[in-house]
Amino acid sequence: FGALDGKMFSDEVDYDRDWIDEARRYYTNIVGKYGPHVQALLKKAGKIDIKIICPLHGLVWRKNLDYLLDKYDKWSRYEPEQKGVLIAYASMYGNTESA
């Protein structure tokens, strides 16, 4: 998702500003349906001392690994990152919208 621009480590970029949306989209589209499998893997991985994460797509993680693992944990449990409410509506003539 985008060029690395010479930076290949997550600690060299503003991850929240430039990368988190793409990481979330990648997880949702490619990995999302395997949430229970991700949970099982995270449980196993929690027993080992991980030093670096080198994904097939995206930046290499050598610092703050818990940030990425926490995101995958939350995404794989299908929990929202922020509390909110979605109000979906259709308004053919605009009356519902103006209400």
PDB file of N, CA and C in Angstrom:
ATOM      1  N   PHE A   1       0.825  -1.175   0.000  1.00  0.00           N
ATOM      2  CA  PHE A   1       0.000   0.000   0.000  1.00  0.00           C
ATOM      3  C   PHE A   1       0.866   1.234   0.000  1.00  0.00           C
ATOM      4  N   GLY A   2       1.248   1.627  -1.156  1.00  0.00           N
ATOM      5  CA  GLY A   2       2.081   2.816  -1.257  1.00  0.00           C
ATOM      6  C   GLY A   2       3.552   2.474  -1.239  1.00  0.00           C
ATOM      7  N   ALA A   3       4.343   3.409  -1.664  1.00  0.00           N
ATOM      8  CA  ALA A   3       5.788   3.214  -1.695  1.00  0.00           C
ATOM      9  C   ALA A   3       6.380   3.422  -0.315  1.00  0.00           C
ATOM     10  N   LEU A   4       7.439   2.705  -0.033  1.00  0.00           N
ATOM     11  CA  LEU A   4       8.098   2.827   1.266  1.00  0.00           C
ATOM     12  C   LEU A   4       8.919   4.099   1.374  1.00  0.00           C
ATOM     13  N   ASP A   5       9.252   4.709   0.270  1.00  0.00           N
ATOM     14  CA  ASP A   5       9.992   5.972   0.282  1.00  0.00           C
ATOM     15  C   ASP A   5      11.311   5.849   1.039  1.00  0.00           C
ATOM     16  N   GLY A   6      11.958   4.684   0.913  1.00  0.00           N
ATOM     17  CA  GLY A   6      13.253   4.488   1.557  1.00  0.00           C
ATOM     18  C   GLY A   6      13.185   4.103   3.019  1.00  0.00           C
ATOM     19  N   LYS A   7      12.014   4.123   3.594  1.00  0.00           N
ATOM     20  CA  LYS A   7      11.851   3.773   5.011  1.00  0.00           C
ATOM     21  C   LYS A   7      11.179   2.411   5.088  1.00  0.00           C
ATOM     22  N   MET A   8      11.840   1.458   5.739  1.00  0.00           N
ATOM     23  CA  MET A   8      11.258   0.122   5.809  1.00  0.00           C
ATOM     24  C   MET A   8      10.882  -0.313   7.221  1.00  0.00           C
ATOM     25  N   PHE A   9      11.108   0.544   8.224  1.00  0.00           N
ATOM     26  CA  PHE A   9      10.791   0.205   9.607  1.00  0.00           C
ATOM     27  C   PHE A   9       9.654   1.084  10.115  1.00  0.00           C
ATOM     28  N   SER A  10       8.783   0.490  10.903  1.00  0.00           N
ATOM     29  CA  SER A  10       7.611   1.221  11.402  1.00  0.00           C
ATOM     30  C   SER A  10       7.989   2.398  12.287  1.00  0.00           C
ATOM     31  N   ASP A  11       9.144   2.322  12.941  1.00  0.00           N
ATOM     32  CA  ASP A  11       9.554   3.420  13.823  1.00  0.00           C
ATOM     33  C   ASP A  11      10.169   4.595  13.055  1.00  0.00           C
ATOM     34  N   GLU A  12      10.258   4.487  11.743  1.00  0.00           N
ATOM     35  CA  GLU A  12      10.797   5.574  10.919  1.00  0.00           C
ATOM     36  C   GLU A  12       9.694   6.435  10.295  1.00  0.00           C
ATOM     37  N   VAL A  13       8.447   6.059  10.536  1.00  0.00           N
ATOM     38  CA  VAL A  13       7.327   6.779   9.930  1.00  0.00           C
ATOM     39  C   VAL A  13       6.299   7.138  11.000  1.00  0.00           C
ATOM     40  N   ASP A  14       5.363   7.978  10.636  1.00  0.00           N
ATOM     41  CA  ASP A  14       4.216   8.261  11.503  1.00  0.00           C
ATOM     42  C   ASP A  14       3.154   7.223  11.150  1.00  0.00           C
ATOM     43  N   TYR A  15       3.191   6.102  11.844  1.00  0.00           N
ATOM     44  CA  TYR A  15       2.350   4.959  11.494  1.00  0.00           C
ATOM     45  C   TYR A  15       0.865   5.292  11.597  1.00  0.00           C
ATOM     46  N   ASP A  16       0.473   5.954  12.674  1.00  0.00           N
ATOM     47  CA  ASP A  16      -0.947   6.285  12.847  1.00  0.00           C
ATOM     48  C   ASP A  16      -1.454   7.217  11.754  1.00  0.00           C
ATOM     49  N   ARG A  17      -0.637   8.127  11.318  1.00  0.00           N
ATOM     50  CA  ARG A  17      -1.065   9.085  10.295  1.00  0.00           C
ATOM     51  C   ARG A  17      -1.044   8.471   8.896  1.00  0.00           C
ATOM     52  N   ASP A  18       0.017   7.730   8.571  1.00  0.00           N
ATOM     53  CA  ASP A  18       0.244   7.316   7.190  1.00  0.00           C
ATOM     54  C   ASP A  18      -0.060   5.853   6.871  1.00  0.00           C
ATOM     55  N   TRP A  19      -0.134   4.987   7.878  1.00  0.00           N
ATOM     56  CA  TRP A  19      -0.196   3.558   7.588  1.00  0.00           C
ATOM     57  C   TRP A  19      -1.359   2.801   8.212  1.00  0.00           C
ATOM     58  N   ILE A  20      -1.884   3.241   9.339  1.00  0.00           N
ATOM     59  CA  ILE A  20      -2.857   2.422  10.059  1.00  0.00           C
ATOM     60  C   ILE A  20      -4.121   2.151   9.241  1.00  0.00           C
ATOM     61  N   ASP A  21      -4.587   3.119   8.483  1.00  0.00           N
ATOM     62  CA  ASP A  21      -5.788   2.898   7.670  1.00  0.00           C
ATOM     63  C   ASP A  21      -5.561   1.808   6.630  1.00  0.00           C
ATOM     64  N   GLU A  22      -4.389   1.815   6.011  1.00  0.00           N
ATOM     65  CA  GLU A  22      -4.075   0.788   5.016  1.00  0.00           C
ATOM     66  C   GLU A  22      -3.881  -0.575   5.668  1.00  0.00           C
ATOM     67  N   ALA A  23      -3.271  -0.597   6.847  1.00  0.00           N
ATOM     68  CA  ALA A  23      -3.091  -1.862   7.572  1.00  0.00           C
ATOM     69  C   ALA A  23      -4.446  -2.447   7.955  1.00  0.00           C
ATOM     70  N   ARG A  24      -5.338  -1.593   8.417  1.00  0.00           N
ATOM     71  CA  ARG A  24      -6.689  -2.038   8.784  1.00  0.00           C
ATOM     72  C   ARG A  24      -7.424  -2.560   7.556  1.00  0.00           C
ATOM     73  N   ARG A  25      -7.317  -1.854   6.446  1.00  0.00           N
ATOM     74  CA  ARG A  25      -7.984  -2.282   5.209  1.00  0.00           C
ATOM     75  C   ARG A  25      -7.431  -3.620   4.726  1.00  0.00           C
ATOM     76  N   TYR A  26      -6.109  -3.771   4.785  1.00  0.00           N
ATOM     77  CA  TYR A  26      -5.493  -5.040   4.394  1.00  0.00           C
ATOM     78  C   TYR A  26      -6.003  -6.164   5.292  1.00  0.00           C
ATOM     79  N   TYR A  27      -5.992  -5.930   6.612  1.00  0.00           N
ATOM     80  CA  TYR A  27      -6.468  -6.963   7.536  1.00  0.00           C
ATOM     81  C   TYR A  27      -7.922  -7.318   7.217  1.00  0.00           C
ATOM     82  N   THR A  28      -8.763  -6.314   7.057  1.00  0.00           N
ATOM     83  CA  THR A  28     -10.190  -6.545   6.823  1.00  0.00           C
ATOM     84  C   THR A  28     -10.430  -7.338   5.544  1.00  0.00           C
ATOM     85  N   ASN A  29      -9.747  -6.979   4.470  1.00  0.00           N
ATOM     86  CA  ASN A  29      -9.988  -7.610   3.173  1.00  0.00           C
ATOM     87  C   ASN A  29      -9.328  -8.968   3.008  1.00  0.00           C
ATOM     88  N   ILE A  30      -8.177  -9.177   3.608  1.00  0.00           N
ATOM     89  CA  ILE A  30      -7.418 -10.405   3.377  1.00  0.00           C
ATOM     90  C   ILE A  30      -7.505 -11.375   4.552  1.00  0.00           C
ATOM     91  N   VAL A  31      -7.357 -10.885   5.754  1.00  0.00           N
ATOM     92  CA  VAL A  31      -7.232 -11.738   6.941  1.00  0.00           C
ATOM     93  C   VAL A  31      -8.534 -11.804   7.740  1.00  0.00           C
ATOM     94  N   GLY A  32      -9.386 -10.803   7.589  1.00  0.00           N
ATOM     95  CA  GLY A  32     -10.536 -10.601   8.458  1.00  0.00           C
ATOM     96  C   GLY A  32     -11.387 -11.809   8.763  1.00  0.00           C
ATOM     97  N   LYS A  33     -11.663 -12.644   7.781  1.00  0.00           N
ATOM     98  CA  LYS A  33     -12.546 -13.785   8.027  1.00  0.00           C
ATOM     99  C   LYS A  33     -11.885 -14.880   8.859  1.00  0.00           C
ATOM    100  N   TYR A  34     -10.600 -14.758   9.117  1.00  0.00           N
ATOM    101  CA  TYR A  34      -9.874 -15.768   9.890  1.00  0.00           C
ATOM    102  C   TYR A  34      -9.629 -15.327  11.328  1.00  0.00           C
ATOM    103  N   GLY A  35     -10.511 -14.498  11.871  1.00  0.00           N
ATOM    104  CA  GLY A  35     -10.357 -13.982  13.228  1.00  0.00           C
ATOM    105  C   GLY A  35     -10.041 -15.038  14.276  1.00  0.00           C
ATOM    106  N   PRO A  36     -10.788 -16.151  14.326  1.00  0.00           N
ATOM    107  CA  PRO A  36     -10.481 -17.184  15.328  1.00  0.00           C
ATOM    108  C   PRO A  36      -9.078 -17.772  15.165  1.00  0.00           C
ATOM    109  N   HIS A  37      -8.625 -17.898  13.929  1.00  0.00           N
ATOM    110  CA  HIS A  37      -7.273 -18.414  13.684  1.00  0.00           C
ATOM    111  C   HIS A  37      -6.220 -17.411  14.148  1.00  0.00           C
ATOM    112  N   VAL A  38      -6.479 -16.131  13.913  1.00  0.00           N
ATOM    113  CA  VAL A  38      -5.562 -15.084  14.379  1.00  0.00           C
ATOM    114  C   VAL A  38      -5.499 -15.106  15.900  1.00  0.00           C
ATOM    115  N   GLN A  39      -6.644 -15.266  16.556  1.00  0.00           N
ATOM    116  CA  GLN A  39      -6.670 -15.336  18.017  1.00  0.00           C
ATOM    117  C   GLN A  39      -5.827 -16.510  18.521  1.00  0.00           C
ATOM    118  N   ALA A  40      -5.959 -17.668  17.875  1.00  0.00           N
ATOM    119  CA  ALA A  40      -5.175 -18.844  18.270  1.00  0.00           C
ATOM    120  C   ALA A  40      -3.682 -18.588  18.085  1.00  0.00           C
ATOM    121  N   LEU A  41      -3.318 -17.954  16.982  1.00  0.00           N
ATOM    122  CA  LEU A  41      -1.911 -17.648  16.727  1.00  0.00           C
ATOM    123  C   LEU A  41      -1.369 -16.642  17.733  1.00  0.00           C
ATOM    124  N   LEU A  42      -2.151 -15.618  18.050  1.00  0.00           N
ATOM    125  CA  LEU A  42      -1.707 -14.622  19.030  1.00  0.00           C
ATOM    126  C   LEU A  42      -1.505 -15.259  20.400  1.00  0.00           C
ATOM    127  N   LYS A  43      -2.350 -16.217  20.731  1.00  0.00           N
ATOM    128  CA  LYS A  43      -2.204 -16.919  22.011  1.00  0.00           C
ATOM    129  C   LYS A  43      -0.886 -17.694  22.042  1.00  0.00           C
ATOM    130  N   LYS A  44      -0.572 -18.381  20.954  1.00  0.00           N
ATOM    131  CA  LYS A  44       0.696 -19.118  20.871  1.00  0.00           C
ATOM    132  C   LYS A  44       1.884 -18.158  20.862  1.00  0.00           C
ATOM    133  N   ALA A  45       1.768 -17.088  20.100  1.00  0.00           N
ATOM    134  CA  ALA A  45       2.868 -16.123  19.981  1.00  0.00           C
ATOM    135  C   ALA A  45       3.133 -15.411  21.297  1.00  0.00           C
ATOM    136  N   GLY A  46       2.114 -15.297  22.136  1.00  0.00           N
ATOM    137  CA  GLY A  46       2.274 -14.642  23.425  1.00  0.00           C
ATOM    138  C   GLY A  46       3.225 -15.372  24.357  1.00  0.00           C
ATOM    139  N   LYS A  47       3.520 -16.620  24.039  1.00  0.00           N
ATOM    140  CA  LYS A  47       4.401 -17.432  24.882  1.00  0.00           C
ATOM    141  C   LYS A  47       5.869 -17.322  24.483  1.00  0.00           C
ATOM    142  N   ILE A  48       6.144 -16.633  23.388  1.00  0.00           N
ATOM    143  CA  ILE A  48       7.534 -16.502  22.944  1.00  0.00           C
ATOM    144  C   ILE A  48       7.947 -15.029  22.954  1.00  0.00           C
ATOM    145  N   ASP A  49       9.231 -14.810  23.017  1.00  0.00           N
ATOM    146  CA  ASP A  49       9.774 -13.450  23.045  1.00  0.00           C
ATOM    147  C   ASP A  49      10.048 -12.998  21.610  1.00  0.00           C
ATOM    148  N   ILE A  50       9.123 -12.275  21.042  1.00  0.00           N
ATOM    149  CA  ILE A  50       9.242 -11.819  19.655  1.00  0.00           C
ATOM    150  C   ILE A  50      10.117 -10.572  19.620  1.00  0.00           C
ATOM    151  N   LYS A  51      11.121 -10.583  18.784  1.00  0.00           N
ATOM    152  CA  LYS A  51      12.054  -9.456  18.663  1.00  0.00           C
ATOM    153  C   LYS A  51      11.741  -8.554  17.473  1.00  0.00           C
ATOM    154  N   ILE A  52      11.218  -9.149  16.397  1.00  0.00           N
ATOM    155  CA  ILE A  52      10.983  -8.384  15.177  1.00  0.00           C
ATOM    156  C   ILE A  52       9.850  -9.052  14.403  1.00  0.00           C
ATOM    157  N   ILE A  53       9.049  -8.247  13.726  1.00  0.00           N
ATOM    158  CA  ILE A  53       7.981  -8.759  12.874  1.00  0.00           C
ATOM    159  C   ILE A  53       8.260  -8.271  11.460  1.00  0.00           C
ATOM    160  N   CYS A  54       8.426  -9.219  10.540  1.00  0.00           N
ATOM    161  CA  CYS A  54       8.703  -8.911   9.137  1.00  0.00           C
ATOM    162  C   CYS A  54       7.532  -9.414   8.287  1.00  0.00           C
ATOM    163  N   PRO A  55       6.509  -8.596   8.098  1.00  0.00           N
ATOM    164  CA  PRO A  55       5.342  -9.047   7.332  1.00  0.00           C
ATOM    165  C   PRO A  55       5.640  -9.127   5.836  1.00  0.00           C
ATOM    166  N   LEU A  56       4.800  -9.871   5.138  1.00  0.00           N
ATOM    167  CA  LEU A  56       4.946  -9.949   3.690  1.00  0.00           C
ATOM    168  C   LEU A  56       4.583  -8.628   3.026  1.00  0.00           C
ATOM    169  N   HIS A  57       3.687  -7.873   3.665  1.00  0.00           N
ATOM    170  CA  HIS A  57       3.263  -6.571   3.140  1.00  0.00           C
ATOM    171  C   HIS A  57       3.429  -5.542   4.239  1.00  0.00           C
ATOM    172  N   GLY A  58       3.992  -4.409   3.911  1.00  0.00           N
ATOM    173  CA  GLY A  58       4.101  -3.335   4.891  1.00  0.00           C
ATOM    174  C   GLY A  58       5.477  -3.241   5.523  1.00  0.00           C
ATOM    175  N   LEU A  59       5.524  -2.470   6.576  1.00  0.00           N
ATOM    176  CA  LEU A  59       6.785  -2.140   7.242  1.00  0.00           C
ATOM    177  C   LEU A  59       7.246  -3.236   8.193  1.00  0.00           C
ATOM    178  N   VAL A  60       8.547  -3.247   8.466  1.00  0.00           N
ATOM    179  CA  VAL A  60       9.143  -4.171   9.435  1.00  0.00           C
ATOM    180  C   VAL A  60       9.027  -3.537  10.820  1.00  0.00           C
ATOM    181  N   TRP A  61       8.617  -4.337  11.785  1.00  0.00           N
ATOM    182  CA  TRP A  61       8.438  -3.871  13.170  1.00  0.00           C
ATOM    183  C   TRP A  61       9.584  -4.371  14.024  1.00  0.00           C
ATOM    184  N   ARG A  62      10.385  -3.451  14.542  1.00  0.00           N
ATOM    185  CA  ARG A  62      11.485  -3.811  15.435  1.00  0.00           C
ATOM    186  C   ARG A  62      11.306  -3.169  16.809  1.00  0.00           C
ATOM    187  N   LYS A  63      10.364  -2.245  16.931  1.00  0.00           N
ATOM    188  CA  LYS A  63      10.050  -1.573  18.197  1.00  0.00           C
ATOM    189  C   LYS A  63       8.535  -1.528  18.354  1.00  0.00           C
ATOM    190  N   ASN A  64       8.085  -1.405  19.599  1.00  0.00           N
ATOM    191  CA  ASN A  64       6.659  -1.240  19.888  1.00  0.00           C
ATOM    192  C   ASN A  64       5.798  -2.320  19.227  1.00  0.00           C
ATOM    193  N   LEU A  65       6.249  -3.562  19.314  1.00  0.00           N
ATOM    194  CA  LEU A  65       5.527  -4.669  18.694  1.00  0.00           C
ATOM    195  C   LEU A  65       4.137  -4.847  19.288  1.00  0.00           C
ATOM    196  N   ASP A  66       3.990  -4.511  20.567  1.00  0.00           N
ATOM    197  CA  ASP A  66       2.686  -4.658  21.218  1.00  0.00           C
ATOM    198  C   ASP A  66       1.609  -3.820  20.538  1.00  0.00           C
ATOM    199  N   TYR A  67       1.984  -2.696  19.974  1.00  0.00           N
ATOM    200  CA  TYR A  67       1.016  -1.848  19.271  1.00  0.00           C
ATOM    201  C   TYR A  67       0.361  -2.632  18.142  1.00  0.00           C
ATOM    202  N   LEU A  68       1.183  -3.257  17.297  1.00  0.00           N
ATOM    203  CA  LEU A  68       0.665  -4.011  16.160  1.00  0.00           C
ATOM    204  C   LEU A  68      -0.089  -5.250  16.623  1.00  0.00           C
ATOM    205  N   LEU A  69       0.454  -5.959  17.596  1.00  0.00           N
ATOM    206  CA  LEU A  69      -0.208  -7.160  18.100  1.00  0.00           C
ATOM    207  C   LEU A  69      -1.547  -6.820  18.747  1.00  0.00           C
ATOM    208  N   ASP A  70      -1.621  -5.701  19.435  1.00  0.00           N
ATOM    209  CA  ASP A  70      -2.891  -5.263  20.032  1.00  0.00           C
ATOM    210  C   ASP A  70      -3.928  -4.938  18.957  1.00  0.00           C
ATOM    211  N   LYS A  71      -3.487  -4.327  17.864  1.00  0.00           N
ATOM    212  CA  LYS A  71      -4.411  -4.032  16.763  1.00  0.00           C
ATOM    213  C   LYS A  71      -4.961  -5.329  16.175  1.00  0.00           C
ATOM    214  N   TYR A  72      -4.077  -6.286  15.913  1.00  0.00           N
ATOM    215  CA  TYR A  72      -4.525  -7.563  15.361  1.00  0.00           C
ATOM    216  C   TYR A  72      -5.445  -8.282  16.339  1.00  0.00           C
ATOM    217  N   ASP A  73      -5.162  -8.172  17.623  1.00  0.00           N
ATOM    218  CA  ASP A  73      -6.018  -8.787  18.635  1.00  0.00           C
ATOM    219  C   ASP A  73      -7.413  -8.175  18.581  1.00  0.00           C
ATOM    220  N   LYS A  74      -7.481  -6.874  18.551  1.00  0.00           N
ATOM    221  CA  LYS A  74      -8.784  -6.184  18.520  1.00  0.00           C
ATOM    222  C   LYS A  74      -9.521  -6.487  17.213  1.00  0.00           C
ATOM    223  N   TRP A  75      -8.824  -6.382  16.093  1.00  0.00           N
ATOM    224  CA  TRP A  75      -9.467  -6.640  14.809  1.00  0.00           C
ATOM    225  C   TRP A  75      -9.967  -8.076  14.720  1.00  0.00           C
ATOM    226  N   SER A  76      -9.198  -9.030  15.231  1.00  0.00           N
ATOM    227  CA  SER A  76      -9.582 -10.437  15.121  1.00  0.00           C
ATOM    228  C   SER A  76     -10.726 -10.803  16.060  1.00  0.00           C
ATOM    229  N   ARG A  77     -11.000  -9.965  17.048  1.00  0.00           N
ATOM    230  CA  ARG A  77     -12.161 -10.175  17.924  1.00  0.00           C
ATOM    231  C   ARG A  77     -13.373  -9.420  17.403  1.00  0.00           C
ATOM    232  N   TYR A  78     -13.218  -8.759  16.263  1.00  0.00           N
ATOM    233  CA  TYR A  78     -14.299  -8.009  15.621  1.00  0.00           C
ATOM    234  C   TYR A  78     -14.878  -6.951  16.559  1.00  0.00           C
ATOM    235  N   GLU A  79     -14.002  -6.301  17.312  1.00  0.00           N
ATOM    236  CA  GLU A  79     -14.422  -5.234  18.212  1.00  0.00           C
ATOM    237  C   GLU A  79     -14.107  -3.884  17.574  1.00  0.00           C
ATOM    238  N   PRO A  80     -14.992  -2.916  17.755  1.00  0.00           N
ATOM    239  CA  PRO A  80     -14.713  -1.590  17.190  1.00  0.00           C
ATOM    240  C   PRO A  80     -13.549  -0.917  17.915  1.00  0.00           C
ATOM    241  N   GLU A  81     -12.787  -0.143  17.180  1.00  0.00           N
ATOM    242  CA  GLU A  81     -11.680   0.597  17.786  1.00  0.00           C
ATOM    243  C   GLU A  81     -12.183   1.819  18.537  1.00  0.00           C
ATOM    244  N   GLN A  82     -13.283   2.357  18.100  1.00  0.00           N
ATOM    245  CA  GLN A  82     -13.883   3.519  18.755  1.00  0.00           C
ATOM    246  C   GLN A  82     -15.372   3.250  18.926  1.00  0.00           C
ATOM    247  N   LYS A  83     -15.914   3.754  20.028  1.00  0.00           N
ATOM    248  CA  LYS A  83     -17.351   3.629  20.222  1.00  0.00           C
ATOM    249  C   LYS A  83     -18.051   4.623  19.313  1.00  0.00           C
ATOM    250  N   GLY A  84     -19.168   4.212  18.777  1.00  0.00           N
ATOM    251  CA  GLY A  84     -19.908   5.110  17.910  1.00  0.00           C
ATOM    252  C   GLY A  84     -21.221   4.486  17.489  1.00  0.00           C
ATOM    253  N   VAL A  85     -21.989   5.251  16.783  1.00  0.00           N
ATOM    254  CA  VAL A  85     -23.283   4.809  16.286  1.00  0.00           C
ATOM    255  C   VAL A  85     -23.362   5.163  14.810  1.00  0.00           C
ATOM    256  N   LEU A  86     -23.841   4.239  14.021  1.00  0.00           N
ATOM    257  CA  LEU A  86     -24.056   4.479  12.600  1.00  0.00           C
ATOM    258  C   LEU A  86     -25.556   4.595  12.369  1.00  0.00           C
ATOM    259  N   ILE A  87     -25.963   5.660  11.756  1.00  0.00           N
ATOM    260  CA  ILE A  87     -27.366   5.833  11.391  1.00  0.00           C
ATOM    261  C   ILE A  87     -27.427   5.788   9.870  1.00  0.00           C
ATOM    262  N   ALA A  88     -27.982   4.701   9.349  1.00  0.00           N
ATOM    263  CA  ALA A  88     -28.097   4.531   7.904  1.00  0.00           C
ATOM    264  C   ALA A  88     -29.534   4.852   7.494  1.00  0.00           C
ATOM    265  N   TYR A  89     -29.672   5.637   6.467  1.00  0.00           N
ATOM    266  CA  TYR A  89     -31.013   5.986   6.004  1.00  0.00           C
ATOM    267  C   TYR A  89     -30.966   6.269   4.512  1.00  0.00           C
ATOM    268  N   ALA A  90     -32.124   6.233   3.914  1.00  0.00           N
ATOM    269  CA  ALA A  90     -32.275   6.619   2.517  1.00  0.00           C
ATOM    270  C   ALA A  90     -33.368   7.675   2.461  1.00  0.00           C
ATOM    271  N   SER A  91     -33.207   8.625   1.597  1.00  0.00           N
ATOM    272  CA  SER A  91     -34.179   9.715   1.520  1.00  0.00           C
ATOM    273  C   SER A  91     -34.416  10.072   0.059  1.00  0.00           C
ATOM    274  N   MET A  92     -35.476   9.500  -0.505  1.00  0.00           N
ATOM    275  CA  MET A  92     -35.749   9.712  -1.924  1.00  0.00           C
ATOM    276  C   MET A  92     -36.054  11.180  -2.234  1.00  0.00           C
ATOM    277  N   TYR A  93     -36.819  11.822  -1.376  1.00  0.00           N
ATOM    278  CA  TYR A  93     -37.212  13.206  -1.636  1.00  0.00           C
ATOM    279  C   TYR A  93     -36.585  14.195  -0.659  1.00  0.00           C
ATOM    280  N   GLY A  94     -35.716  13.705   0.246  1.00  0.00           N
ATOM    281  CA  GLY A  94     -35.040  14.589   1.182  1.00  0.00           C
ATOM    282  C   GLY A  94     -35.780  14.809   2.488  1.00  0.00           C
ATOM    283  N   ASN A  95     -36.997  14.267   2.626  1.00  0.00           N
ATOM    284  CA  ASN A  95     -37.768  14.471   3.852  1.00  0.00           C
ATOM    285  C   ASN A  95     -37.137  13.763   5.050  1.00  0.00           C
ATOM    286  N   THR A  96     -36.667  12.543   4.853  1.00  0.00           N
ATOM    287  CA  THR A  96     -36.020  11.815   5.947  1.00  0.00           C
ATOM    288  C   THR A  96     -34.749  12.535   6.366  1.00  0.00           C
ATOM    289  N   GLU A  97     -34.001  13.010   5.398  1.00  0.00           N
ATOM    290  CA  GLU A  97     -32.753  13.709   5.695  1.00  0.00           C
ATOM    291  C   GLU A  97     -33.001  14.971   6.514  1.00  0.00           C
ATOM    292  N   SER A  98     -34.056  15.688   6.218  1.00  0.00           N
ATOM    293  CA  SER A  98     -34.309  16.941   6.930  1.00  0.00           C
ATOM    294  C   SER A  98     -34.932  16.725   8.306  1.00  0.00           C
ATOM    295  N   ALA A  99     -35.403  15.521   8.586  1.00  0.00           N
ATOM    296  CA  ALA A  99     -36.075  15.245   9.882  1.00  0.00           C
ATOM    297  C   ALA A  99     -35.134  15.230  11.035  1.00  0.00           C
TER     298      ALA A  99
END
